[in-house]
């Protein structure tokens, strides 16, 4: 069942505009992709930091461990 965008009205005077199934799917995919990108950036920063720490250890003569 594919739902189109629809408006829901309440007695209190507030109205909600719900997205269609297609819009909802696209929005969810966007936020999923955005989440994955931010996770990858954090992983990349940690990896670079560990590489920097390793270089400092080598320079100080403490080796690879």
N, C-alpha and C. Protein backbone atom coordinates (compact mmCIF):
# COMPACT_ATOMS: atom_id res chain seq x y z
N UNK A 1 0.84 -1.18 0.00
CA UNK A 1 0.00 0.00 0.00
C UNK A 1 0.88 1.24 0.00
N UNK A 2 0.78 2.04 -1.02
CA UNK A 2 1.56 3.27 -1.12
C UNK A 2 0.68 4.43 -0.70
N UNK A 3 1.12 5.12 0.33
CA UNK A 3 0.35 6.27 0.81
C UNK A 3 0.92 7.55 0.22
N UNK A 4 0.02 8.43 -0.16
CA UNK A 4 0.41 9.75 -0.61
C UNK A 4 0.49 10.67 0.60
N UNK A 5 1.08 11.82 0.40
CA UNK A 5 1.16 12.83 1.47
C UNK A 5 -0.26 13.21 1.89
N UNK A 6 -0.45 13.33 3.19
CA UNK A 6 -1.77 13.72 3.66
C UNK A 6 -1.67 14.61 4.89
N UNK A 7 -2.73 15.34 5.13
CA UNK A 7 -2.77 16.29 6.22
C UNK A 7 -3.72 15.76 7.29
N UNK A 8 -3.29 15.85 8.54
CA UNK A 8 -4.12 15.41 9.65
C UNK A 8 -4.43 16.62 10.52
N UNK A 9 -5.69 16.88 10.72
CA UNK A 9 -6.11 18.04 11.49
C UNK A 9 -6.63 17.62 12.85
N UNK A 10 -6.28 18.39 13.87
CA UNK A 10 -6.71 18.11 15.24
C UNK A 10 -7.60 19.23 15.75
N UNK A 11 -8.43 18.89 16.71
CA UNK A 11 -9.37 19.86 17.28
C UNK A 11 -8.66 21.04 17.93
N UNK A 12 -7.47 20.80 18.47
CA UNK A 12 -6.73 21.85 19.16
C UNK A 12 -6.23 22.93 18.21
N UNK A 13 -6.36 22.68 16.91
CA UNK A 13 -5.93 23.68 15.95
C UNK A 13 -4.62 23.37 15.26
N UNK A 14 -3.94 22.31 15.69
CA UNK A 14 -2.67 21.97 15.05
C UNK A 14 -2.92 21.02 13.88
N UNK A 15 -2.14 21.20 12.85
CA UNK A 15 -2.24 20.35 11.66
C UNK A 15 -0.89 19.69 11.43
N UNK A 16 -0.92 18.42 11.07
CA UNK A 16 0.31 17.70 10.73
C UNK A 16 0.27 17.31 9.27
N UNK A 17 1.36 17.53 8.57
CA UNK A 17 1.47 17.13 7.17
C UNK A 17 2.40 15.93 7.12
N UNK A 18 1.85 14.76 6.83
CA UNK A 18 2.64 13.54 6.80
C UNK A 18 3.22 13.32 5.41
N UNK A 19 4.46 12.82 5.32
CA UNK A 19 5.07 12.59 4.02
C UNK A 19 4.49 11.35 3.33
N UNK A 20 4.67 11.31 2.04
CA UNK A 20 4.27 10.11 1.30
C UNK A 20 5.30 9.02 1.59
N UNK A 21 4.99 7.80 1.21
CA UNK A 21 5.92 6.69 1.43
C UNK A 21 7.24 6.91 0.71
N UNK A 22 7.17 7.45 -0.50
CA UNK A 22 8.39 7.70 -1.28
C UNK A 22 9.25 8.76 -0.59
N UNK A 23 8.64 9.85 -0.13
CA UNK A 23 9.38 10.90 0.58
C UNK A 23 9.98 10.36 1.87
N UNK A 24 9.23 9.54 2.58
CA UNK A 24 9.70 8.97 3.84
C UNK A 24 10.91 8.05 3.59
N UNK A 25 10.84 7.25 2.55
CA UNK A 25 11.94 6.34 2.21
C UNK A 25 13.21 7.12 1.87
N UNK A 26 13.06 8.18 1.08
CA UNK A 26 14.21 9.00 0.69
C UNK A 26 14.81 9.69 1.91
N UNK A 27 13.96 10.22 2.79
CA UNK A 27 14.43 10.90 4.00
C UNK A 27 15.18 9.94 4.91
N UNK A 28 14.63 8.76 5.11
CA UNK A 28 15.29 7.76 5.96
C UNK A 28 16.65 7.35 5.38
N UNK A 29 16.72 7.18 4.06
CA UNK A 29 17.98 6.81 3.42
C UNK A 29 19.01 7.93 3.57
N UNK A 30 18.57 9.17 3.45
CA UNK A 30 19.46 10.31 3.61
C UNK A 30 20.09 10.32 5.00
N UNK A 31 19.26 10.16 6.04
CA UNK A 31 19.79 10.17 7.40
C UNK A 31 20.65 8.95 7.70
N UNK A 32 20.34 7.82 7.08
CA UNK A 32 21.17 6.63 7.23
C UNK A 32 22.55 6.87 6.60
N UNK A 33 22.57 7.43 5.40
CA UNK A 33 23.83 7.74 4.73
C UNK A 33 24.63 8.78 5.52
N UNK A 34 23.94 9.79 6.03
CA UNK A 34 24.60 10.83 6.81
C UNK A 34 25.23 10.24 8.07
N UNK A 35 24.53 9.33 8.70
CA UNK A 35 25.05 8.66 9.90
C UNK A 35 26.30 7.85 9.55
N UNK A 36 26.25 7.13 8.43
CA UNK A 36 27.41 6.33 8.03
C UNK A 36 28.62 7.20 7.72
N UNK A 37 28.39 8.34 7.10
CA UNK A 37 29.49 9.26 6.78
C UNK A 37 30.13 9.78 8.07
N UNK A 38 29.31 10.16 9.03
CA UNK A 38 29.88 10.68 10.28
C UNK A 38 30.61 9.59 11.05
N UNK A 39 30.14 8.36 10.98
CA UNK A 39 30.84 7.25 11.64
C UNK A 39 32.20 7.03 10.97
N UNK A 40 32.24 7.10 9.66
CA UNK A 40 33.49 6.89 8.93
C UNK A 40 34.49 8.01 9.23
N UNK A 41 34.02 9.25 9.38
CA UNK A 41 34.91 10.35 9.71
C UNK A 41 35.54 10.13 11.08
N UNK A 42 34.73 9.70 12.04
CA UNK A 42 35.25 9.45 13.38
C UNK A 42 36.28 8.33 13.34
N UNK A 43 36.02 7.29 12.58
CA UNK A 43 36.96 6.18 12.46
C UNK A 43 38.25 6.66 11.83
N UNK A 44 38.14 7.49 10.80
CA UNK A 44 39.31 8.01 10.10
C UNK A 44 40.16 8.87 11.03
N UNK A 45 39.51 9.71 11.86
CA UNK A 45 40.25 10.55 12.79
C UNK A 45 40.98 9.71 13.82
N UNK A 46 40.34 8.66 14.32
CA UNK A 46 40.97 7.78 15.30
C UNK A 46 42.17 7.08 14.69
N UNK A 47 42.03 6.66 13.44
CA UNK A 47 43.10 5.96 12.74
C UNK A 47 44.30 6.90 12.57
N UNK A 48 44.04 8.14 12.18
CA UNK A 48 45.12 9.11 12.00
C UNK A 48 45.79 9.41 13.34
N UNK A 49 45.02 9.50 14.40
CA UNK A 49 45.56 9.78 15.72
C UNK A 49 46.46 8.63 16.16
N UNK A 50 46.04 7.40 15.93
CA UNK A 50 46.85 6.24 16.31
C UNK A 50 48.15 6.23 15.50
N UNK A 51 48.08 6.60 14.23
CA UNK A 51 49.27 6.66 13.40
C UNK A 51 50.22 7.71 13.93
N UNK A 52 49.69 8.86 14.35
CA UNK A 52 50.51 9.92 14.91
C UNK A 52 51.16 9.46 16.22
N UNK A 53 50.37 8.80 17.07
CA UNK A 53 50.91 8.29 18.33
C UNK A 53 52.03 7.29 18.08
N UNK A 54 51.86 6.43 17.07
CA UNK A 54 52.88 5.45 16.73
C UNK A 54 54.17 6.15 16.27
N UNK A 55 54.02 7.20 15.46
CA UNK A 55 55.19 7.94 14.99
C UNK A 55 55.93 8.57 16.16
N UNK A 56 55.19 9.10 17.13
CA UNK A 56 55.82 9.70 18.31
C UNK A 56 56.58 8.64 19.11
N UNK A 57 56.00 7.46 19.25
CA UNK A 57 56.67 6.36 19.96
C UNK A 57 57.97 5.97 19.27
N UNK A 58 57.94 5.91 17.96
CA UNK A 58 59.15 5.53 17.21
C UNK A 58 60.23 6.60 17.40
N UNK A 59 59.84 7.87 17.33
CA UNK A 59 60.79 8.96 17.49
C UNK A 59 61.39 8.93 18.88
N UNK A 60 60.58 8.65 19.88
CA UNK A 60 61.07 8.60 21.26
C UNK A 60 61.88 7.33 21.53
N UNK A 61 61.83 6.39 20.61
CA UNK A 61 62.62 5.17 20.77
C UNK A 61 61.93 4.07 21.55
N UNK A 62 60.61 4.17 21.68
CA UNK A 62 59.88 3.15 22.43
C UNK A 62 59.35 2.05 21.52
N UNK A 63 59.64 2.10 20.25
CA UNK A 63 59.30 1.02 19.33
C UNK A 63 57.85 0.99 18.92
N UNK A 64 57.44 -0.18 18.47
CA UNK A 64 56.11 -0.37 17.88
C UNK A 64 55.02 -0.69 18.90
N UNK A 65 55.36 -1.04 20.10
CA UNK A 65 54.36 -1.54 21.03
C UNK A 65 53.71 -0.48 21.78
